Amino acid sequence: MNDDGDENMLIDSNDGNKELSLDFLKRYIAYARAVCGPRISETASELLLNQYVKLRNPQIDQNSQQQNWKGRKHGQSTIPVTVRQLEAIIRLSESLAKMELLPFTEKRHVEEAIRLFKVSTIAAAQSGSLSGVEGFTSREDQESFDRVEKQLKRRFQVGTYVSEHLIIDEFSKQSYPEALVRRAIDFCVRRGDFQYRMQRKLLYRVK
């Protein structure tokens, strides 16, 4: 990051204060993406697990989480927080650590990610609209998405190839919308469960 352009990293704002230039911010982001890949620390991982349980069912208090884990199905969650939302919180935590060029995601990064999640997602849920929030459409759409994802992983074993067109055709016969199936496939690819092969004509089950 120490090149000749860094001397111009500060610019004057309207109120007389110094701000980082847009060019510097772009180069910093590119540098962080290239050299930094934070991993979740043990303490951060424990916090994520505890918070996920509490978000799934706020009725479970901190002292009885483990005892009541098997009985959570009798409680009612405020919103349908899923594994997809947990993954979104993890990505946000990692991004916060990456901003500081740190090798590990720390507890404070998870706390901030959870705070942002609550402000955006839970506030939207309380207002009665989850439109635009990552992973949320309607409860029915989310349940359909989860069913498609599970069927994909159950139907195709690791190491097998399958035509994407064939997958879409099979699920369409089960009355699943094509857009939903494509979204599920894209999610599995981004997560690393599947890979595109043969110029995206085939999908290969990786894990």
C-alpha atoms as a PDB file:
ATOM      1  CA  MET A   1       0.000   0.000   0.000  1.00  0.00           C
ATOM      2  CA  ASN A   2       2.986   2.317   0.189  1.00  0.00           C
ATOM      3  CA  ASP A   3       3.286   3.670  -3.332  1.00  0.00           C
ATOM      4  CA  ASP A   4       3.689   7.183  -4.673  1.00  0.00           C
ATOM      5  CA  GLY A   5      -0.050   7.815  -4.671  1.00  0.00           C
ATOM      6  CA  ASP A   6      -0.481   7.444  -0.920  1.00  0.00           C
ATOM      7  CA  GLU A   7       0.556  11.028  -0.290  1.00  0.00           C
ATOM      8  CA  ASN A   8      -2.781  12.041  -1.833  1.00  0.00           C
ATOM      9  CA  MET A   9      -4.848   9.681   0.298  1.00  0.00           C
ATOM     10  CA  LEU A  10      -6.419  12.583   2.260  1.00  0.00           C
ATOM     11  CA  ILE A  11      -8.785  15.157   0.833  1.00  0.00           C
ATOM     12  CA  ASP A  12     -10.526  18.142   2.393  1.00  0.00           C
ATOM     13  CA  SER A  13     -14.238  17.754   3.089  1.00  0.00           C
ATOM     14  CA  ASN A  14     -16.752  20.583   3.101  1.00  0.00           C
ATOM     15  CA  ASP A  15     -16.484  21.027   6.858  1.00  0.00           C
ATOM     16  CA  GLY A  16     -12.698  21.292   6.766  1.00  0.00           C
ATOM     17  CA  ASN A  17     -12.000  17.781   8.058  1.00  0.00           C
ATOM     18  CA  LYS A  18      -9.753  15.302   6.259  1.00  0.00           C
ATOM     19  CA  GLU A  19     -11.287  12.296   4.520  1.00  0.00           C
ATOM     20  CA  LEU A  20      -9.778   9.328   2.705  1.00  0.00           C
ATOM     21  CA  SER A  21      -9.858   9.743  -1.042  1.00  0.00           C
ATOM     22  CA  LEU A  22     -12.019   7.448  -3.174  1.00  0.00           C
ATOM     23  CA  ASP A  23      -8.960   6.258  -5.086  1.00  0.00           C
ATOM     24  CA  PHE A  24      -7.211   5.232  -1.875  1.00  0.00           C
ATOM     25  CA  LEU A  25     -10.305   3.405  -0.625  1.00  0.00           C
ATOM     26  CA  LYS A  26     -10.598   1.486  -3.901  1.00  0.00           C
ATOM     27  CA  ARG A  27      -6.953   0.431  -3.740  1.00  0.00           C
ATOM     28  CA  TYR A  28      -7.258  -0.504  -0.064  1.00  0.00           C
ATOM     29  CA  ILE A  29     -10.297  -2.693  -0.746  1.00  0.00           C
ATOM     30  CA  ALA A  30      -8.512  -4.403  -3.648  1.00  0.00           C
ATOM     31  CA  TYR A  31      -5.465  -4.989  -1.459  1.00  0.00           C
ATOM     32  CA  ALA A  32      -7.559  -6.411   1.406  1.00  0.00           C
ATOM     33  CA  ARG A  33      -9.337  -8.792  -0.961  1.00  0.00           C
ATOM     34  CA  ALA A  34      -6.045  -9.972  -2.410  1.00  0.00           C
ATOM     35  CA  VAL A  35      -4.041 -10.601   0.757  1.00  0.00           C
ATOM     36  CA  CYS A  36      -6.521 -11.150   3.575  1.00  0.00           C
ATOM     37  CA  GLY A  37      -8.787 -14.137   4.230  1.00  0.00           C
ATOM     38  CA  PRO A  38      -9.817 -14.097   7.898  1.00  0.00           C
ATOM     39  CA  ARG A  39     -10.895 -17.296   9.635  1.00  0.00           C
ATOM     40  CA  ILE A  40     -13.361 -17.539  12.496  1.00  0.00           C
ATOM     41  CA  SER A  41     -11.621 -17.736  15.879  1.00  0.00           C
ATOM     42  CA  GLU A  42     -12.797 -20.209  18.521  1.00  0.00           C
ATOM     43  CA  THR A  43     -14.347 -17.532  20.736  1.00  0.00           C
ATOM     44  CA  ALA A  44     -16.089 -15.952  17.758  1.00  0.00           C
ATOM     45  CA  SER A  45     -17.413 -19.360  16.707  1.00  0.00           C
ATOM     46  CA  GLU A  46     -18.869 -19.992  20.161  1.00  0.00           C
ATOM     47  CA  LEU A  47     -20.553 -16.595  20.129  1.00  0.00           C
ATOM     48  CA  LEU A  48     -22.037 -17.298  16.702  1.00  0.00           C
ATOM     49  CA  LEU A  49     -23.499 -20.595  17.902  1.00  0.00           C
ATOM     50  CA  ASN A  50     -25.024 -19.090  21.038  1.00  0.00           C
ATOM     51  CA  GLN A  51     -26.480 -16.124  19.184  1.00  0.00           C
ATOM     52  CA  TYR A  52     -27.889 -18.343  16.441  1.00  0.00           C
ATOM     53  CA  VAL A  53     -29.743 -20.417  19.038  1.00  0.00           C
ATOM     54  CA  LYS A  54     -31.136 -17.274  20.650  1.00  0.00           C
ATOM     55  CA  LEU A  55     -32.188 -15.811  17.307  1.00  0.00           C
ATOM     56  CA  ARG A  56     -33.931 -19.036  16.362  1.00  0.00           C
ATOM     57  CA  ASN A  57     -35.916 -18.970  19.588  1.00  0.00           C
ATOM     58  CA  PRO A  58     -35.736 -15.905  21.861  1.00  0.00           C
ATOM     59  CA  GLN A  59     -37.638 -17.815  24.565  1.00  0.00           C
ATOM     60  CA  ILE A  60     -34.519 -19.826  25.354  1.00  0.00           C
ATOM     61  CA  ASP A  61     -32.554 -18.005  28.030  1.00  0.00           C
ATOM     62  CA  GLN A  62     -28.810 -18.044  28.313  1.00  0.00           C
ATOM     63  CA  ASN A  63     -28.701 -20.511  31.227  1.00  0.00           C
ATOM     64  CA  SER A  64     -30.906 -23.161  29.653  1.00  0.00           C
ATOM     65  CA  GLN A  65     -29.844 -23.177  26.002  1.00  0.00           C
ATOM     66  CA  GLN A  66     -28.191 -26.594  26.055  1.00  0.00           C
ATOM     67  CA  GLN A  67     -30.867 -28.227  28.241  1.00  0.00           C
ATOM     68  CA  ASN A  68     -33.670 -26.981  26.027  1.00  0.00           C
ATOM     69  CA  TRP A  69     -31.973 -27.523  22.667  1.00  0.00           C
ATOM     70  CA  LYS A  70     -33.976 -30.664  21.940  1.00  0.00           C
ATOM     71  CA  GLY A  71     -37.175 -28.975  23.018  1.00  0.00           C
ATOM     72  CA  ARG A  72     -36.817 -25.904  20.846  1.00  0.00           C
ATOM     73  CA  LYS A  73     -39.371 -27.239  18.420  1.00  0.00           C
ATOM     74  CA  HIS A  74     -42.056 -26.535  21.034  1.00  0.00           C
ATOM     75  CA  GLY A  75     -41.218 -22.831  21.048  1.00  0.00           C
ATOM     76  CA  GLN A  76     -42.072 -20.275  18.433  1.00  0.00           C
ATOM     77  CA  SER A  77     -39.376 -18.233  16.718  1.00  0.00           C
ATOM     78  CA  THR A  78     -40.022 -14.575  16.104  1.00  0.00           C
ATOM     79  CA  ILE A  79     -38.769 -14.832  12.505  1.00  0.00           C
ATOM     80  CA  PRO A  80     -37.626 -17.835  10.423  1.00  0.00           C
ATOM     81  CA  VAL A  81     -33.877 -17.367  10.929  1.00  0.00           C
ATOM     82  CA  THR A  82     -32.148 -20.064   8.901  1.00  0.00           C
ATOM     83  CA  VAL A  83     -28.673 -21.380   8.225  1.00  0.00           C
ATOM     84  CA  ARG A  84     -28.548 -18.983   5.272  1.00  0.00           C
ATOM     85  CA  GLN A  85     -28.848 -16.028   7.631  1.00  0.00           C
ATOM     86  CA  LEU A  86     -26.128 -17.520   9.837  1.00  0.00           C
ATOM     87  CA  GLU A  87     -23.884 -17.717   6.771  1.00  0.00           C
ATOM     88  CA  ALA A  88     -24.668 -14.071   6.010  1.00  0.00           C
ATOM     89  CA  ILE A  89     -23.612 -13.089   9.543  1.00  0.00           C
ATOM     90  CA  ILE A  90     -20.388 -15.078   9.148  1.00  0.00           C
ATOM     91  CA  ARG A  91     -19.584 -13.361   5.845  1.00  0.00           C
ATOM     92  CA  LEU A  92     -20.228  -9.959   7.394  1.00  0.00           C
ATOM     93  CA  SER A  93     -18.008 -10.818  10.386  1.00  0.00           C
ATOM     94  CA  GLU A  94     -15.216 -11.880   8.046  1.00  0.00           C
ATOM     95  CA  SER A  95     -15.595  -8.678   6.032  1.00  0.00           C
ATOM     96  CA  LEU A  96     -15.249  -6.568   9.172  1.00  0.00           C
ATOM     97  CA  ALA A  97     -12.031  -8.392  10.071  1.00  0.00           C
ATOM     98  CA  LYS A  98     -10.788  -8.066   6.498  1.00  0.00           C
ATOM     99  CA  MET A  99     -11.220  -4.291   6.724  1.00  0.00           C
ATOM    100  CA  GLU A 100      -8.558  -4.366   9.456  1.00  0.00           C
ATOM    101  CA  LEU A 101      -6.355  -6.853   7.557  1.00  0.00           C
ATOM    102  CA  LEU A 102      -6.625  -9.335  10.423  1.00  0.00           C
ATOM    103  CA  PRO A 103      -6.007 -13.093  10.038  1.00  0.00           C
ATOM    104  CA  PHE A 104      -8.868 -14.051  12.362  1.00  0.00           C
ATOM    105  CA  THR A 105     -12.421 -12.865  12.898  1.00  0.00           C
ATOM    106  CA  GLU A 106     -12.687 -11.776  16.507  1.00  0.00           C
ATOM    107  CA  LYS A 107     -15.582 -11.665  18.935  1.00  0.00           C
ATOM    108  CA  ARG A 108     -16.113  -7.942  18.406  1.00  0.00           C
ATOM    109  CA  HIS A 109     -16.569  -8.481  14.680  1.00  0.00           C
ATOM    110  CA  VAL A 110     -19.275 -11.072  15.324  1.00  0.00           C
ATOM    111  CA  GLU A 111     -20.975  -8.769  17.817  1.00  0.00           C
ATOM    112  CA  GLU A 112     -21.081  -5.957  15.265  1.00  0.00           C
ATOM    113  CA  ALA A 113     -22.324  -8.301  12.524  1.00  0.00           C
ATOM    114  CA  ILE A 114     -25.111  -9.540  14.791  1.00  0.00           C
ATOM    115  CA  ARG A 115     -26.024  -5.966  15.720  1.00  0.00           C
ATOM    116  CA  LEU A 116     -26.317  -5.045  12.041  1.00  0.00           C
ATOM    117  CA  PHE A 117     -28.336  -8.188  11.376  1.00  0.00           C
ATOM    118  CA  LYS A 118     -30.783  -7.327  14.137  1.00  0.00           C
ATOM    119  CA  VAL A 119     -31.102  -3.720  13.011  1.00  0.00           C
ATOM    120  CA  SER A 120     -31.838  -4.677   9.402  1.00  0.00           C
ATOM    121  CA  THR A 121     -33.514  -8.080   9.405  1.00  0.00           C
ATOM    122  CA  ILE A 122     -35.375  -8.138  12.695  1.00  0.00           C
ATOM    123  CA  ALA A 123     -36.528  -4.551  12.307  1.00  0.00           C
ATOM    124  CA  ALA A 124     -37.848  -5.448   8.862  1.00  0.00           C
ATOM    125  CA  ALA A 125     -39.624  -8.497  10.282  1.00  0.00           C
ATOM    126  CA  GLN A 126     -41.299  -6.436  12.970  1.00  0.00           C
ATOM    127  CA  SER A 127     -42.502  -3.982  10.338  1.00  0.00           C
ATOM    128  CA  GLY A 128     -44.128  -6.862   8.483  1.00  0.00           C
ATOM    129  CA  SER A 129     -41.881  -6.804   5.408  1.00  0.00           C
ATOM    130  CA  LEU A 130     -38.761  -8.869   4.707  1.00  0.00           C
ATOM    131  CA  SER A 131     -38.571  -7.934   1.046  1.00  0.00           C
ATOM    132  CA  GLY A 132     -34.976  -7.398  -0.032  1.00  0.00           C
ATOM    133  CA  VAL A 133     -33.421  -8.876   3.107  1.00  0.00           C
ATOM    134  CA  GLU A 134     -30.924 -11.602   2.211  1.00  0.00           C
ATOM    135  CA  GLY A 135     -32.412 -15.067   2.355  1.00  0.00           C
ATOM    136  CA  PHE A 136     -35.950 -13.901   3.085  1.00  0.00           C
ATOM    137  CA  THR A 137     -38.917 -13.908   0.778  1.00  0.00           C
ATOM    138  CA  SER A 138     -42.049 -15.504   2.175  1.00  0.00           C
ATOM    139  CA  ARG A 139     -42.005 -18.390   4.636  1.00  0.00           C
ATOM    140  CA  GLU A 140     -43.431 -20.629   1.916  1.00  0.00           C
ATOM    141  CA  ASP A 141     -40.695 -19.653  -0.550  1.00  0.00           C
ATOM    142  CA  GLN A 142     -38.019 -20.288   2.067  1.00  0.00           C
ATOM    143  CA  GLU A 143     -39.450 -23.719   2.840  1.00  0.00           C
ATOM    144  CA  SER A 144     -39.587 -24.566  -0.877  1.00  0.00           C
ATOM    145  CA  PHE A 145     -36.000 -23.372  -1.298  1.00  0.00           C
ATOM    146  CA  ASP A 146     -34.851 -25.585   1.587  1.00  0.00           C
ATOM    147  CA  ARG A 147     -36.649 -28.602   0.105  1.00  0.00           C
ATOM    148  CA  VAL A 148     -35.017 -28.103  -3.293  1.00  0.00           C
ATOM    149  CA  GLU A 149     -31.579 -27.736  -1.710  1.00  0.00           C
ATOM    150  CA  LYS A 150     -32.007 -30.920   0.349  1.00  0.00           C
ATOM    151  CA  GLN A 151     -33.264 -32.884  -2.649  1.00  0.00           C
ATOM    152  CA  LEU A 152     -30.313 -31.740  -4.730  1.00  0.00           C
ATOM    153  CA  LYS A 153     -27.821 -32.994  -2.167  1.00  0.00           C
ATOM    154  CA  ARG A 154     -29.734 -36.227  -1.561  1.00  0.00           C
ATOM    155  CA  ARG A 155     -30.349 -36.958  -5.235  1.00  0.00           C
ATOM    156  CA  PHE A 156     -26.802 -36.448  -6.510  1.00  0.00           C
ATOM    157  CA  GLN A 157     -23.887 -38.106  -4.743  1.00  0.00           C
ATOM    158  CA  VAL A 158     -20.398 -36.633  -4.422  1.00  0.00           C
ATOM    159  CA  GLY A 159     -18.399 -37.170  -7.611  1.00  0.00           C
ATOM    160  CA  THR A 160     -21.373 -37.381  -9.976  1.00  0.00           C
ATOM    161  CA  TYR A 161     -22.238 -35.189 -12.960  1.00  0.00           C
ATOM    162  CA  VAL A 162     -25.703 -33.982 -13.902  1.00  0.00           C
ATOM    163  CA  SER A 163     -27.155 -31.654 -16.505  1.00  0.00           C
ATOM    164  CA  GLU A 164     -28.468 -28.380 -15.104  1.00  0.00           C
ATOM    165  CA  HIS A 165     -31.273 -28.539 -17.654  1.00  0.00           C
ATOM    166  CA  LEU A 166     -32.232 -31.994 -16.340  1.00  0.00           C
ATOM    167  CA  ILE A 167     -32.335 -30.723 -12.751  1.00  0.00           C
ATOM    168  CA  ILE A 168     -34.580 -27.812 -13.673  1.00  0.00           C
ATOM    169  CA  ASP A 169     -36.842 -30.089 -15.717  1.00  0.00           C
ATOM    170  CA  GLU A 170     -37.213 -32.605 -12.868  1.00  0.00           C
ATOM    171  CA  PHE A 171     -38.095 -29.967 -10.293  1.00  0.00           C
ATOM    172  CA  SER A 172     -40.450 -28.230 -12.711  1.00  0.00           C
ATOM    173  CA  LYS A 173     -42.390 -31.492 -12.958  1.00  0.00           C
ATOM    174  CA  GLN A 174     -42.767 -31.267  -9.177  1.00  0.00           C
ATOM    175  CA  SER A 175     -44.302 -27.788  -9.630  1.00  0.00           C
ATOM    176  CA  TYR A 176     -41.285 -25.873  -8.328  1.00  0.00           C
ATOM    177  CA  PRO A 177     -40.775 -22.501 -10.079  1.00  0.00           C
ATOM    178  CA  GLU A 178     -37.753 -22.468 -12.379  1.00  0.00           C
ATOM    179  CA  ALA A 179     -36.452 -19.257 -10.777  1.00  0.00           C
ATOM    180  CA  LEU A 180     -36.483 -20.914  -7.353  1.00  0.00           C
ATOM    181  CA  VAL A 181     -34.609 -23.969  -8.636  1.00  0.00           C
ATOM    182  CA  ARG A 182     -31.981 -21.813 -10.338  1.00  0.00           C
ATOM    183  CA  ARG A 183     -31.581 -19.831  -7.127  1.00  0.00           C
ATOM    184  CA  ALA A 184     -31.023 -23.037  -5.154  1.00  0.00           C
ATOM    185  CA  ILE A 185     -28.472 -24.264  -7.701  1.00  0.00           C
ATOM    186  CA  ASP A 186     -26.647 -20.938  -7.599  1.00  0.00           C
ATOM    187  CA  PHE A 187     -26.553 -21.064  -3.805  1.00  0.00           C
ATOM    188  CA  CYS A 188     -25.085 -24.597  -3.839  1.00  0.00           C
ATOM    189  CA  VAL A 189     -22.455 -23.514  -6.377  1.00  0.00           C
ATOM    190  CA  ARG A 190     -21.467 -20.425  -4.380  1.00  0.00           C
ATOM    191  CA  ARG A 191     -21.197 -22.523  -1.229  1.00  0.00           C
ATOM    192  CA  GLY A 192     -18.935 -25.019  -2.996  1.00  0.00           C
ATOM    193  CA  ASP A 193     -21.265 -28.039  -2.986  1.00  0.00           C
ATOM    194  CA  PHE A 194     -21.415 -28.074  -6.793  1.00  0.00           C
ATOM    195  CA  GLN A 195     -19.210 -26.794  -9.608  1.00  0.00           C
ATOM    196  CA  TYR A 196     -20.075 -25.956 -13.195  1.00  0.00           C
ATOM    197  CA  ARG A 197     -18.260 -28.047 -15.814  1.00  0.00           C
ATOM    198  CA  MET A 198     -18.308 -28.288 -19.619  1.00  0.00           C
ATOM    199  CA  GLN A 199     -19.047 -24.596 -20.189  1.00  0.00           C
ATOM    200  CA  ARG A 200     -21.793 -24.628 -17.523  1.00  0.00           C
ATOM    201  CA  LYS A 201     -23.651 -27.456 -19.231  1.00  0.00           C
ATOM    202  CA  LEU A 202     -22.996 -29.891 -16.383  1.00  0.00           C
ATOM    203  CA  LEU A 203     -22.941 -29.646 -12.621  1.00  0.00           C
ATOM    204  CA  TYR A 204     -20.393 -31.657 -10.648  1.00  0.00           C
ATOM    205  CA  ARG A 205     -21.100 -32.593  -7.019  1.00  0.00           C
ATOM    206  CA  VAL A 206     -17.986 -31.613  -5.035  1.00  0.00           C
ATOM    207  CA  LYS A 207     -19.017 -32.194  -1.424  1.00  0.00           C
END
